[in-house]
Protein backbone atom coordinates (compact mmCIF):
# COMPACT_ATOMS: atom_id res chain seq x y z
CA MET A 1 101.51 93.20 211.78
CA ARG A 2 102.40 90.14 210.52
CA ARG A 3 106.06 88.46 211.35
CA ARG A 4 108.14 85.24 211.26
CA SER A 5 110.69 84.02 213.52
CA LEU A 6 112.30 80.69 214.60
CA THR A 7 114.17 80.46 217.48
CA ALA A 8 117.59 78.59 217.47
CA ALA A 9 116.63 76.86 219.91
CA LEU A 10 113.15 75.28 218.26
CA ALA A 11 115.52 74.30 214.35
CA ALA A 12 117.75 72.40 216.55
CA VAL A 13 115.39 70.40 218.30
CA PRO A 14 115.19 66.71 216.51
CA LEU A 15 112.33 66.03 215.29
CA PHE A 16 112.35 62.65 216.67
CA LEU A 17 113.43 63.08 220.21
CA SER A 18 113.16 59.73 223.13
CA ALA A 19 111.44 60.98 226.32
CA THR A 20 114.10 58.77 227.96
CA ALA A 21 117.83 59.04 226.33
CA GLY A 22 119.35 55.31 226.13
CA ALA A 23 116.01 54.07 227.58
CA ALA A 24 114.50 51.16 225.21
CA MET A 25 110.83 52.10 224.50
CA ALA A 26 107.88 51.08 222.61
CA ASP A 27 106.72 52.56 219.37
CA GLN A 28 105.34 56.36 220.21
CA ILE A 29 101.76 58.42 219.30
CA TYR A 30 102.44 61.67 219.43
CA ASN A 31 101.41 65.17 218.59
CA LYS A 32 103.45 68.37 216.29
CA LEU A 33 102.61 71.17 219.13
CA ASP A 34 106.34 72.08 219.41
CA GLY A 35 109.35 70.12 218.07
CA SER A 36 110.26 67.38 220.05
CA ILE A 37 108.73 63.86 220.97
CA ASP A 38 108.24 63.80 225.54
CA ALA A 39 105.82 63.02 228.07
CA THR A 40 105.32 66.52 229.17
CA ALA A 41 102.02 67.95 227.81
CA GLU A 42 102.51 71.04 224.89
CA ILE A 43 100.34 73.54 225.30
CA LEU A 44 97.85 74.77 222.93
CA PRO A 45 95.93 78.12 223.03
CA LEU A 46 92.26 79.04 222.76
CA ASN A 47 90.07 81.84 222.98
CA ALA A 48 86.55 81.33 223.94
CA ASN A 49 85.18 82.07 221.22
CA SER A 50 87.23 81.06 218.35
CA ALA A 51 86.84 77.98 216.11
CA ALA A 52 87.52 74.30 216.45
CA THR A 53 91.16 73.37 215.99
CA SER A 54 92.91 70.30 214.40
CA VAL A 55 95.54 68.59 216.37
CA GLN A 56 97.34 66.15 213.91
CA LEU A 57 98.49 62.62 215.84
CA TYR A 58 101.52 60.25 214.33
CA VAL A 59 103.21 56.98 214.91
CA ASN A 60 107.18 57.13 215.63
CA PRO A 61 108.45 53.67 215.00
CA THR A 62 111.37 53.34 217.67
CA GLY A 63 112.58 50.15 216.56
CA GLU A 64 113.68 49.24 220.32
CA ASP A 65 109.94 46.88 221.02
CA GLY A 66 111.59 43.87 220.88
CA LYS A 67 111.24 43.82 216.77
CA SER A 68 113.33 46.10 214.19
CA GLY A 69 110.93 49.00 212.59
CA CYS A 70 107.45 49.81 213.13
CA ASN A 71 105.05 47.38 215.75
CA LEU A 72 101.76 48.23 212.98
CA THR A 73 102.68 45.76 210.11
CA GLY A 74 100.57 43.61 207.97
CA SER A 75 96.75 44.43 208.88
CA THR A 76 97.57 44.89 212.09
CA THR A 77 95.95 47.95 214.09
CA LEU A 78 96.07 50.14 217.30
CA VAL A 79 92.43 51.75 218.40
CA VAL A 80 92.51 54.48 221.00
CA ALA A 81 89.85 56.46 223.10
CA VAL A 82 90.22 60.02 223.06
CA SER A 83 89.17 62.24 225.78
CA SER A 84 89.03 65.93 227.29
CA SER A 85 89.34 65.80 230.94
CA ASP A 86 87.01 68.80 231.37
CA PRO A 87 83.93 68.74 228.83
CA THR A 88 83.44 72.50 230.59
CA VAL A 89 86.09 73.94 228.91
CA ALA A 90 86.97 72.31 226.03
CA THR A 91 85.91 69.54 223.88
CA VAL A 92 87.99 67.20 221.53
CA SER A 93 85.69 64.71 218.90
CA PRO A 94 86.35 61.98 217.19
CA SER A 95 86.40 60.09 220.87
CA SER A 96 87.58 57.07 219.03
CA LEU A 97 90.83 56.46 216.59
CA THR A 98 91.65 53.71 214.62
CA PHE A 99 96.19 53.03 213.78
CA GLY A 100 96.93 50.56 210.87
CA SER A 101 100.00 52.12 209.92
CA CYS A 102 103.12 53.98 211.21
CA GLY A 103 102.59 56.28 208.06
CA ASP A 104 98.73 57.20 209.49
CA VAL A 105 98.46 60.60 210.08
CA LYS A 106 94.88 61.12 212.84
CA SER A 107 93.55 64.13 213.55
CA VAL A 108 91.19 65.61 216.71
CA SER A 109 89.19 68.92 216.95
CA VAL A 110 89.47 70.29 219.55
CA THR A 111 86.39 73.06 220.52
CA PRO A 112 86.97 75.52 223.04
CA VAL A 113 83.63 76.06 225.63
CA ALA A 114 84.57 78.23 228.48
CA VAL A 115 87.92 79.88 230.42
CA GLY A 116 89.72 77.28 231.92
CA SER A 117 91.66 74.71 231.31
CA THR A 118 91.59 70.97 230.28
CA THR A 119 94.01 67.83 229.34
CA VAL A 120 93.10 65.55 226.40
CA THR A 121 94.84 62.49 226.68
CA LEU A 122 94.53 58.80 224.59
CA THR A 123 94.18 55.59 225.96
CA LYS A 124 94.19 52.14 224.66
CA THR A 125 90.85 50.63 223.61
CA SER A 126 92.21 47.56 221.78
CA SER A 127 95.56 46.15 219.72
CA SER A 128 96.34 43.05 217.07
CA THR A 129 99.88 43.70 216.96
CA ALA A 130 101.98 42.18 220.13
CA GLY A 131 103.74 45.39 219.96
CA THR A 132 103.24 47.94 222.80
CA PHE A 133 102.50 52.05 222.42
CA ASP A 134 103.81 54.91 224.58
CA LEU A 135 100.52 57.21 223.77
CA ALA A 136 102.19 59.94 226.75
CA PRO A 137 103.98 62.00 224.56
CA ALA A 138 100.26 62.24 222.51
CA THR A 139 98.85 64.71 225.75
CA PHE A 140 98.64 68.26 225.33
CA THR A 141 96.53 70.59 227.45
CA VAL A 142 93.94 73.20 226.34
CA ASN A 143 94.15 76.38 227.84
CA VAL A 144 90.99 78.19 226.97
CA THR A 145 91.17 82.40 227.94
CA ALA A 146 88.62 85.10 227.31
CA PRO A 147 87.54 85.69 224.15
CA ALA A 148 89.73 87.45 221.98
CA PRO A 149 88.53 90.87 220.44
CA ALA A 150 88.10 90.33 216.92
CA ASN A 151 91.39 88.01 216.38
CA THR A 152 91.77 83.77 215.90
CA ALA A 153 94.90 82.26 215.95
CA PRO A 154 96.84 81.59 212.58
CA THR A 155 97.60 77.91 210.96
CA VAL A 156 100.89 77.74 208.99
CA GLU A 157 101.25 74.99 206.80
CA VAL A 158 105.05 73.60 205.52
CA THR A 159 104.50 72.80 201.48
CA GLY A 160 106.74 71.66 198.51
CA VAL A 161 108.06 68.74 201.08
CA THR A 162 106.44 66.19 203.06
CA GLU A 163 107.09 64.86 206.44
CA GLY A 164 110.01 61.76 206.01
CA ALA A 165 109.85 61.39 202.07
CA THR A 166 113.10 60.87 200.70
CA TYR A 167 114.66 63.34 198.29
CA ASP A 168 117.99 63.36 195.70
CA VAL A 169 120.95 65.75 196.78
CA GLY A 170 120.48 68.61 194.11
CA ASP A 171 116.57 67.78 193.73
CA VAL A 172 114.87 68.97 197.03
CA PRO A 173 111.50 70.42 196.34
CA SER A 174 111.69 74.51 197.64
CA ALA A 175 109.84 74.02 201.18
CA THR A 176 107.26 77.24 201.72
CA CYS A 177 104.80 78.90 204.68
CA ASN A 178 101.57 79.09 203.76
CA VAL A 179 99.43 81.10 206.40
CA ALA A 180 95.52 81.04 206.94
CA ASP A 181 94.80 84.20 209.27
CA ALA A 182 91.12 85.33 209.89
CA GLU A 183 91.63 88.87 210.30
CA ASP A 184 95.22 89.23 208.33
CA GLY A 185 94.21 86.91 205.61
CA PRO A 186 96.30 84.38 203.61
CA SER A 187 100.17 84.85 203.55
CA SER A 188 103.41 82.71 202.52
CA PHE A 189 107.16 82.75 202.64
CA GLU A 190 109.75 80.47 202.65
CA ALA A 191 110.28 77.89 205.28
CA THR A 192 113.61 78.30 207.41
CA LEU A 193 115.80 75.02 206.85
CA GLY A 194 117.90 73.67 209.53
CA ASP A 195 121.59 72.25 208.82
CA ILE A 196 121.49 68.92 207.34
CA THR A 197 122.61 66.20 210.15
CA GLY A 198 124.00 62.95 209.18
CA PRO A 199 127.86 61.42 208.29
CA TYR A 200 128.21 62.67 205.50
CA PHE A 201 126.53 66.66 205.57
CA ARG A 202 129.29 67.95 203.90
CA ASP A 203 127.60 66.67 200.80
CA GLY A 204 123.98 67.62 201.32
CA ILE A 205 123.55 64.07 202.55
CA GLY A 206 121.39 63.25 205.50
CA SER A 207 118.04 64.77 207.52
CA GLN A 208 116.91 68.13 207.18
CA THR A 209 113.89 70.21 208.77
CA ALA A 210 112.04 72.79 206.92
CA THR A 211 110.12 75.27 209.84
CA CYS A 212 107.61 77.76 209.71
CA ASP A 213 107.13 80.22 212.20
CA HIS A 214 104.40 82.86 212.05
CA THR A 215 103.30 85.50 214.42
CA ASP A 216 99.49 87.85 213.39
CA SER A 217 98.59 91.18 214.04
CA GLY A 218 97.22 90.36 217.03
CA GLY A 219 100.30 88.62 218.84
CA LEU A 220 98.67 84.81 218.06
CA GLU A 221 101.90 82.89 217.10
CA ALA A 222 101.46 79.47 214.88
CA VAL A 223 104.51 76.73 214.04
CA SER A 224 104.64 73.97 212.05
CA SER A 225 107.61 71.73 210.75
CA VAL A 226 108.54 68.88 207.90
CA THR A 227 111.80 66.45 208.34
CA TYR A 228 112.85 64.82 204.96
CA ASN A 229 116.01 63.08 204.28
CA ILE A 230 118.79 63.80 201.26
CA VAL A 231 120.26 60.72 199.56
CA ASP A 232 122.73 60.09 197.24
CA PRO A 233 120.64 58.37 194.31
CA SER A 234 123.38 56.48 193.02
CA ALA A 235 126.32 54.74 193.39
CA PRO A 236 130.14 55.32 192.76
CA VAL A 237 131.33 54.32 189.12
CA VAL A 238 134.37 52.50 188.66
CA THR A 239 136.16 52.22 185.33
CA TYR A 240 140.16 51.55 184.35
CA THR A 241 141.88 51.74 181.51
CA LEU A 242 144.77 49.75 179.85
CA ASP A 243 147.62 50.68 177.92
CA PRO A 244 147.71 49.08 175.40
CA ALA A 245 144.24 48.83 175.41
CA SER A 246 144.33 45.21 173.97
CA PRO A 247 146.90 42.79 174.90
CA ASP A 248 149.39 42.62 172.11
CA GLY A 249 150.05 38.77 172.18
CA LYS A 250 148.56 35.76 171.85
CA ASN A 251 145.39 34.08 173.87
CA ASP A 252 144.76 37.46 175.72
CA TRP A 253 148.87 38.08 177.16
CA TYR A 254 150.47 41.00 176.86
CA THR A 255 154.19 40.55 176.02
CA SER A 256 155.56 44.38 176.54
CA ASP A 257 154.92 46.64 179.52
CA VAL A 258 151.34 47.36 180.55
CA THR A 259 149.90 49.78 182.38
CA LEU A 260 146.53 49.84 184.55
CA THR A 261 144.61 53.23 185.58
CA TRP A 262 141.57 53.19 187.78
CA HIS A 263 139.11 56.03 187.36
CA VAL A 264 137.04 56.48 190.55
CA SER A 265 134.07 58.55 191.49
CA ASP A 266 131.02 60.19 192.56
CA PRO A 267 130.17 63.44 191.61
CA ASP A 268 126.96 63.40 194.21
CA SER A 269 129.05 62.62 197.44
CA PRO A 270 132.79 62.53 197.22
CA ASN A 271 133.36 63.43 200.59
CA SER A 272 131.80 59.66 201.60
CA LEU A 273 134.28 57.68 198.63
CA THR A 274 136.01 55.32 200.02
CA LYS A 275 138.62 53.02 197.94
CA THR A 276 139.69 49.80 198.73
CA GLY A 277 142.35 48.16 196.17
CA CYS A 278 142.22 50.75 193.12
CA VAL A 279 145.80 51.06 193.12
CA ASP A 280 147.10 51.79 189.30
CA GLN A 281 149.88 49.36 188.49
CA GLY A 282 152.46 49.33 185.86
CA ILE A 283 153.19 45.79 185.24
CA ILE A 284 157.01 45.33 183.94
CA ALA A 285 157.99 41.66 184.13
CA ASP A 286 156.54 38.68 183.60
CA GLN A 287 153.70 37.92 185.19
CA ASP A 288 150.72 34.64 185.45
CA VAL A 289 147.07 35.68 185.47
CA THR A 290 146.68 38.17 188.05
CA THR A 291 143.59 40.23 189.30
CA TYR A 292 143.58 42.99 190.48
CA THR A 293 140.32 44.79 191.95
CA CYS A 294 138.93 47.99 193.28
CA VAL A 295 135.78 48.39 195.11
CA ALA A 296 134.29 51.86 195.89
CA THR A 297 131.59 53.07 198.68
CA SER A 298 129.88 56.41 199.37
CA ALA A 299 126.21 57.44 200.69
CA GLY A 300 125.00 55.73 197.34
CA GLY A 301 126.30 52.65 198.17
CA SER A 302 128.81 50.17 196.65
CA THR A 303 130.36 49.34 193.42
CA GLY A 304 132.31 46.23 192.73
CA PRO A 305 134.30 44.45 193.16
CA VAL A 306 135.61 46.00 189.41
CA THR A 307 138.43 43.14 188.69
CA ALA A 308 141.29 42.96 185.64
CA SER A 309 143.08 40.67 185.44
CA ILE A 310 146.63 41.01 183.23
CA LYS A 311 148.98 38.57 182.10
CA ARG A 312 152.27 39.04 180.66
CA ASP A 313 154.95 37.30 179.03
CA GLY A 314 157.33 38.72 176.97
CA THR A 315 160.19 35.84 177.08
CA ALA A 316 161.09 33.59 174.18
CA PRO A 317 161.05 29.91 175.21
CA THR A 318 164.29 28.00 176.13
CA VAL A 319 165.06 25.34 173.98
CA GLU A 320 167.66 23.11 175.00
CA TYR A 321 168.87 19.26 173.61
CA ASP A 322 167.25 16.86 175.59
CA GLY A 323 168.86 13.39 173.99
CA VAL A 324 168.71 11.07 171.49
CA THR A 325 165.25 9.53 171.54
CA ASP A 326 166.31 7.03 168.86
CA GLY A 327 169.15 5.54 166.85
CA THR A 328 171.71 3.18 167.73
CA SER A 329 175.04 4.22 169.91
CA GLY A 330 178.34 2.26 168.82
CA ALA A 331 181.75 3.00 170.27
CA ASP A 332 183.52 5.98 170.90
CA GLY A 333 180.40 8.30 169.86
CA TRP A 334 179.39 6.74 167.00
CA TYR A 335 176.03 5.94 165.78
CA THR A 336 175.47 3.09 163.37
CA SER A 337 171.85 4.51 162.32
CA ASP A 338 170.43 7.54 162.15
CA VAL A 339 169.80 9.11 165.19
CA ALA A 340 165.98 10.48 166.47
CA VAL A 341 167.17 13.85 168.55
CA GLN A 342 164.82 15.30 170.81
CA PHE A 343 164.61 19.12 171.76
CA THR A 344 162.83 20.59 174.69
CA ALA A 345 161.50 24.30 174.88
CA THR A 346 160.45 25.56 178.52
CA ASP A 347 158.30 28.67 179.11
CA ALA A 348 157.84 30.11 183.02
CA LEU A 349 154.38 31.17 181.84
CA SER A 350 152.07 30.65 178.62
CA GLY A 351 154.15 27.60 177.63
CA PRO A 352 155.05 26.34 174.62
CA ALA A 353 152.93 25.32 171.48
CA SER A 354 154.74 22.19 171.27
CA GLN A 355 156.64 20.92 174.56
CA SER A 356 159.25 18.81 172.54
CA GLN A 357 159.63 18.10 169.38
CA THR A 358 161.90 15.31 167.59
CA VAL A 359 164.43 15.59 164.23
CA THR A 360 165.97 13.03 162.75
CA SER A 361 169.51 13.18 161.18
CA SER A 362 170.19 12.78 157.34
CA GLY A 363 173.25 11.35 156.28
CA GLU A 364 176.29 9.86 157.55
CA GLY A 365 179.88 11.06 158.32
CA VAL A 366 181.93 11.93 161.45
CA ASP A 367 179.87 15.74 161.71
CA VAL A 368 176.24 15.19 160.44
CA VAL A 369 174.61 17.91 161.92
CA VAL A 370 170.99 17.70 163.55
CA ASP A 371 169.09 21.41 163.82
CA SER A 372 167.24 22.60 167.18
CA PRO A 373 163.49 23.64 165.12
CA GLN A 374 161.64 26.36 166.03
CA PHE A 375 159.37 27.07 169.14
CA SER A 376 156.63 29.62 169.96
CA ASP A 377 155.04 29.86 173.71
CA GLY A 378 151.48 30.78 174.09
CA ALA A 379 151.91 34.31 173.99
CA GLY A 380 153.50 34.49 170.36
CA ASN A 381 156.88 34.65 171.40
CA THR A 382 159.26 32.59 169.13
CA THR A 383 162.47 31.48 169.60
CA PRO A 384 164.40 30.66 166.09
CA ALA A 385 165.61 27.27 164.79
CA GLY A 386 169.30 26.22 165.38
CA THR A 387 169.90 27.93 168.35
CA ALA A 388 170.91 24.20 170.10
CA SER A 389 171.77 22.32 167.35
CA ARG A 390 174.33 19.17 167.89
CA SER A 391 176.55 17.06 165.72
CA PHE A 392 176.64 13.26 165.45
CA LYS A 393 179.02 10.60 164.16
CA ILE A 394 177.27 8.08 162.28
CA ASP A 395 177.67 5.03 159.94
CA THR A 396 175.64 2.25 159.31
CA THR A 397 177.97 -0.60 158.58
CA ALA A 398 178.50 -2.84 161.57
CA PRO A 399 180.74 -5.70 162.92
CA THR A 400 179.50 -9.29 162.23
CA ASP A 401 179.99 -12.86 164.16
CA ILE A 402 180.16 -11.93 167.52
CA ALA A 403 180.97 -14.32 169.92
CA PHE A 404 180.86 -14.83 174.23
CA GLY A 405 183.81 -15.76 175.37
CA PRO A 406 184.31 -19.09 178.12
CA VAL A 407 184.65 -19.04 181.49
CA ASP A 408 185.88 -21.43 183.94
CA GLY A 409 183.17 -23.79 185.27
CA ALA A 410 179.39 -23.34 184.84
CA GLU A 411 178.10 -20.61 182.78
CA VAL A 412 174.87 -18.82 182.69
CA THR A 413 173.09 -19.82 179.29
CA GLY A 414 170.35 -17.33 178.01
CA GLY A 415 166.55 -17.59 178.98
CA ASP A 416 167.68 -19.32 181.68
CA THR A 417 166.05 -18.46 185.32
CA TYR A 418 168.08 -18.61 188.85
CA TYR A 419 167.11 -18.38 192.41
CA TRP A 420 168.92 -15.48 194.43
CA GLY A 421 172.34 -16.72 195.90
CA SER A 422 172.70 -19.81 192.75
CA VAL A 423 173.70 -17.85 189.85
CA PRO A 424 176.63 -19.52 188.03
CA LYS A 425 179.08 -17.04 186.30
CA VAL A 426 178.86 -14.54 183.91
CA PRO A 427 180.85 -14.68 180.72
CA THR A 428 183.08 -11.29 180.44
CA THR A 429 184.90 -11.54 177.20
CA CYS A 430 183.98 -11.64 173.74
CA SER A 431 185.12 -11.92 170.13
CA ALA A 432 184.29 -10.08 166.71
CA VAL A 433 185.25 -10.26 163.06
CA ASP A 434 185.37 -7.04 160.67
CA ASP A 435 187.05 -8.25 157.32
CA VAL A 436 188.06 -4.59 156.36
CA SER A 437 188.95 -2.72 159.80
CA GLY A 438 189.06 -5.38 162.03
CA ALA A 439 186.76 -5.27 165.25
CA SER A 440 187.22 -5.26 168.85
CA CYS A 441 184.45 -6.30 171.15
CA VAL A 442 183.77 -5.58 175.09
CA VAL A 443 181.02 -7.21 177.53
CA THR A 444 178.88 -5.33 179.70
CA GLY A 445 176.24 -5.94 182.11
CA ALA A 446 178.08 -8.71 183.69
CA ASP A 447 178.42 -6.47 187.00
CA ASN A 448 176.17 -7.89 189.80
CA PRO A 449 174.63 -11.19 188.58
CA GLY A 450 172.95 -11.49 191.68
CA THR A 451 170.54 -8.65 192.13
CA VAL A 452 167.19 -10.29 191.87
CA GLY A 453 165.33 -9.22 188.25
CA ALA A 454 166.47 -9.55 184.82
CA HIS A 455 169.82 -9.53 183.74
CA ILE A 456 171.53 -8.72 179.82
CA VAL A 457 174.44 -8.77 179.06
CA THR A 458 175.80 -6.98 175.81
CA ALA A 459 178.62 -8.61 174.02
CA THR A 460 179.46 -4.41 171.84
CA ALA A 461 181.97 -5.27 168.36
CA THR A 462 183.28 -1.77 167.75
CA ASN A 463 185.03 -1.94 163.78
CA GLY A 464 187.80 0.75 162.86
CA ALA A 465 185.59 3.12 161.92
CA GLY A 466 183.62 3.32 165.03
CA LEU A 467 180.80 1.10 163.84
CA SER A 468 179.57 -1.29 166.22
CA ASP A 469 177.03 -4.41 166.73
CA SER A 470 175.89 -6.44 169.33
CA LYS A 471 174.71 -9.29 170.91
CA THR A 472 173.12 -10.42 174.38
CA LEU A 473 172.93 -12.83 176.79
CA GLU A 474 169.63 -12.82 178.76
CA TYR A 475 168.70 -14.31 182.43
CA THR A 476 166.48 -14.17 185.40
CA VAL A 477 167.18 -13.75 189.30
CA MET A 478 164.30 -14.71 191.30
CA ALA A 479 163.72 -13.35 194.70
CA TRP A 480 163.52 -16.55 197.93
CA THR A 481 160.01 -17.35 198.80
CA LEU A 482 159.06 -16.03 202.23
CA LYS A 483 156.21 -17.44 204.59
CA GLY A 484 154.99 -15.66 208.09
CA PHE A 485 154.94 -14.32 210.02
CA TYR A 486 152.56 -17.53 211.31
CA ALA A 487 150.77 -17.64 214.29
CA PRO A 488 150.44 -16.04 216.78
CA VAL A 489 151.32 -13.07 214.80
CA ASP A 490 148.60 -12.30 212.27
CA MET A 491 149.33 -10.54 208.97
CA SER A 492 147.46 -8.49 206.33
CA GLY A 493 147.07 -5.55 207.91
CA VAL A 494 145.65 -7.17 211.04
CA LEU A 495 146.77 -4.46 213.96
CA ASN A 496 148.29 -7.18 216.56
CA THR A 497 147.55 -5.88 220.29
CA VAL A 498 149.67 -7.36 222.69
CA LYS A 499 150.49 -5.67 226.46
CA GLY A 500 153.88 -4.04 225.95
CA GLY A 501 157.35 -5.21 227.14
CA SER A 502 156.18 -8.86 226.49
CA THR A 503 157.72 -10.94 223.87
CA VAL A 504 156.13 -12.09 220.61
CA PRO A 505 157.61 -15.20 218.77
CA LEU A 506 158.12 -14.07 215.15
CA LYS A 507 158.37 -17.45 212.96
CA PHE A 508 158.84 -17.52 209.29
CA GLU A 509 159.93 -19.30 206.25
CA VAL A 510 162.30 -19.09 204.06
CA PHE A 511 162.65 -21.11 200.55
CA SER A 512 164.57 -20.25 197.41
CA ASP A 513 164.68 -24.01 195.46
CA HIS A 514 165.16 -25.26 198.41
CA GLU A 515 163.93 -24.48 202.14
CA LEU A 516 166.58 -22.67 203.76
CA THR A 517 167.81 -22.92 207.31
CA ASP A 518 170.93 -20.98 208.11
CA THR A 519 170.29 -18.12 210.15
CA SER A 520 172.47 -15.75 207.72
CA VAL A 521 169.62 -15.69 205.21
CA VAL A 522 168.01 -12.87 207.59
CA ALA A 523 169.83 -9.14 207.07
CA SER A 524 167.79 -7.64 209.24
CA PHE A 525 165.16 -7.55 212.19
CA LYS A 526 163.93 -4.01 212.78
CA GLN A 527 161.06 -2.17 214.68
CA GLN A 528 159.42 1.57 213.31
CA GLN A 529 157.17 3.18 215.72
CA VAL A 530 154.33 4.37 213.45
CA THR A 531 150.67 6.74 214.13
CA CYS A 532 148.18 4.19 215.06
CA PRO A 533 145.46 3.86 212.71
CA GLY A 534 141.94 4.93 213.00
CA ALA A 535 138.78 3.14 215.22
CA SER A 536 137.77 1.11 211.71
CA ALA A 537 141.23 -1.05 211.97
CA ILE A 538 140.95 -4.40 212.73
CA THR A 539 142.93 -5.60 215.90
CA ASP A 540 143.33 -9.00 216.89
CA ALA A 541 145.07 -10.07 220.38
CA ILE A 542 148.23 -11.88 220.21
CA GLU A 543 147.39 -15.14 222.15
CA VAL A 544 150.82 -16.39 223.18
CA THR A 545 154.14 -14.82 224.39
CA SER A 546 157.39 -16.17 224.86
CA THR A 547 159.83 -16.29 227.19
CA GLY A 548 163.08 -17.09 225.87
CA GLY A 549 165.79 -15.00 224.08
CA THR A 550 165.52 -12.96 221.55
CA ASN A 551 168.42 -14.35 219.25
CA LEU A 552 167.50 -15.34 215.59
CA ARG A 553 167.39 -19.19 215.89
CA TYR A 554 165.73 -21.88 213.32
CA ASP A 555 163.45 -24.50 214.76
CA SER A 556 164.57 -28.01 213.02
CA THR A 557 161.43 -29.45 215.11
CA SER A 558 159.04 -26.92 213.30
CA GLY A 559 160.92 -26.65 210.23
CA GLN A 560 160.76 -22.44 210.80
CA PHE A 561 162.93 -19.56 212.27
CA ILE A 562 161.99 -17.91 215.29
CA GLN A 563 162.93 -14.27 216.31
CA ASN A 564 161.66 -13.23 219.84
CA TRP A 565 160.80 -9.88 219.83
CA GLN A 566 160.90 -7.89 222.66
CA THR A 567 157.95 -5.34 222.61
CA PRO A 568 158.86 -1.46 224.24
CA LYS A 569 156.98 -0.93 227.26
CA ILE A 570 154.94 2.09 225.76
CA ALA A 571 151.21 1.79 226.04
CA GLY A 572 149.12 2.61 223.42
CA ALA A 573 151.95 3.06 220.58
CA CYS A 574 152.10 1.00 217.20
CA TYR A 575 154.81 -0.48 215.59
CA VAL A 576 155.68 -1.93 212.58
CA VAL A 577 158.39 -4.46 212.84
CA THR A 578 160.18 -5.39 209.37
CA MET A 579 162.17 -8.76 208.72
CA THR A 580 164.49 -8.77 205.60
CA THR A 581 166.45 -11.18 204.20
CA GLN A 582 169.83 -11.00 201.84
CA ASP A 583 168.22 -11.19 198.96
CA GLY A 584 165.77 -8.14 199.87
CA SER A 585 162.63 -9.80 200.29
CA LYS A 586 160.24 -8.04 203.52
CA LEU A 587 157.36 -9.61 205.95
CA GLN A 588 155.81 -6.44 208.08
CA ALA A 589 153.58 -6.95 210.90
CA ASN A 590 151.89 -4.49 212.98
CA PHE A 591 151.43 -4.14 216.38
CA LYS A 592 149.67 -1.79 218.98
CA LEU A 593 150.77 -2.09 222.82
CA LYS A 594 148.54 -2.24 225.38
């Protein structure tokens, strides 16, 4: 009577178990006489009168021999000798096997001779790889018993699935047990499938073993198993929708609210699906280009980042009056020519199509209106014309015969140049003629005549209608000429080095149209600690220091001002020393204290 059985203990044993848990080991050569890989010799029972039995040998790459994966890569080989400890009990052939890859499956034939027990072992003959191999799991014991009356052990083979193969989830072939038995004849039945193991077993993803266990009518049992992998063949699907589907403004801008909805799925392994980002969005406020991302990962792989970029501007530009860019301004708010008025539009996001526009007035009168133009931003939002209009008083006929009034003493003449401190008087009154309504005249620009730079004094005449004209007087005030600092101090960016606490003489000269010698020309001496420059800075040591007082003086012998600077006692500190004269001119030198 035939029977099939698979104990729960055998089904739960993983096919690839190491001989010593947790220990690093070489690739293993093993047999499949039971469901484990270990150094304990398996038992092959034979009858003395039975035919030769084939035993298959496999390679298990442990990945723990100093390299990842199989030791037999490329054209490397492992040659082993196969022997029986007692050939009078059973013989084994062939006597030598060559493994050329981790996918090699080799067979040895065991022939019973007489009742007894012998051990079949493998011994390494040669190897062309640096990796090592554990041959102990290939060892098995052959127990030859008395001839069984007319009964030989059955053989069973798992078909439909292949050892180590990979199948897509939902597309795993059926596993069938095919039995061959000399006495009972052939038979077949469905293989027993073990539980799927692995982190995604709930989705049917992981490793599974199909086992066949058959006992013939004479009580001889045969067991065979195949382990394969079930995978998710595809990564998650990530898409999104936008509402509105397309931007409702120009240049890919939205001008209304936008809804972003993510759609993420993996039908093959939903329990393994994880999402990063993928947050639905409701954009109701204006924003610049903002990118939203979604990354999905499952047992089938990873998808993304998938991105959606959204920019929203629903606000029209803000238009403001930006002033008169062209036109002659008269008294009492009047203009004596047409005026060019600039209006500026600002937009927080998409920007105006034209940042500024200028509109020129037309006509004369006390209330000439200049309307602001229409502005549109990059998203298409439009501000209508006239939102920032302005009115002006405009008359184009001006007074005539404008003249500057006299001054008491020397007077600035137009076009002349003066040194600071030597500027003559500037006229502060003027007169003009208007035969129709009379004219008044005001001088501007006469304040601060001694500041360095170009000066313009303007006489502006205004008639009774508010029309005006002007006459100008121009002159220039020059700064003093400073020379120095002289030796021992170096200028032009040189870093002067000196011992902290030393007194350094700062020597210089001041000229207008002649040399100045009064110490009152100096407004201030200041020292400021700064960050020291790098090693590339040009340095020069102060060769001469002083022991005199630190008050400013003019040395008539050398024709120089001398200011003795008492350096701080901070070794390694850097300073900038600045001398400023009354006209605002400066001399600066750089120092590093030792």
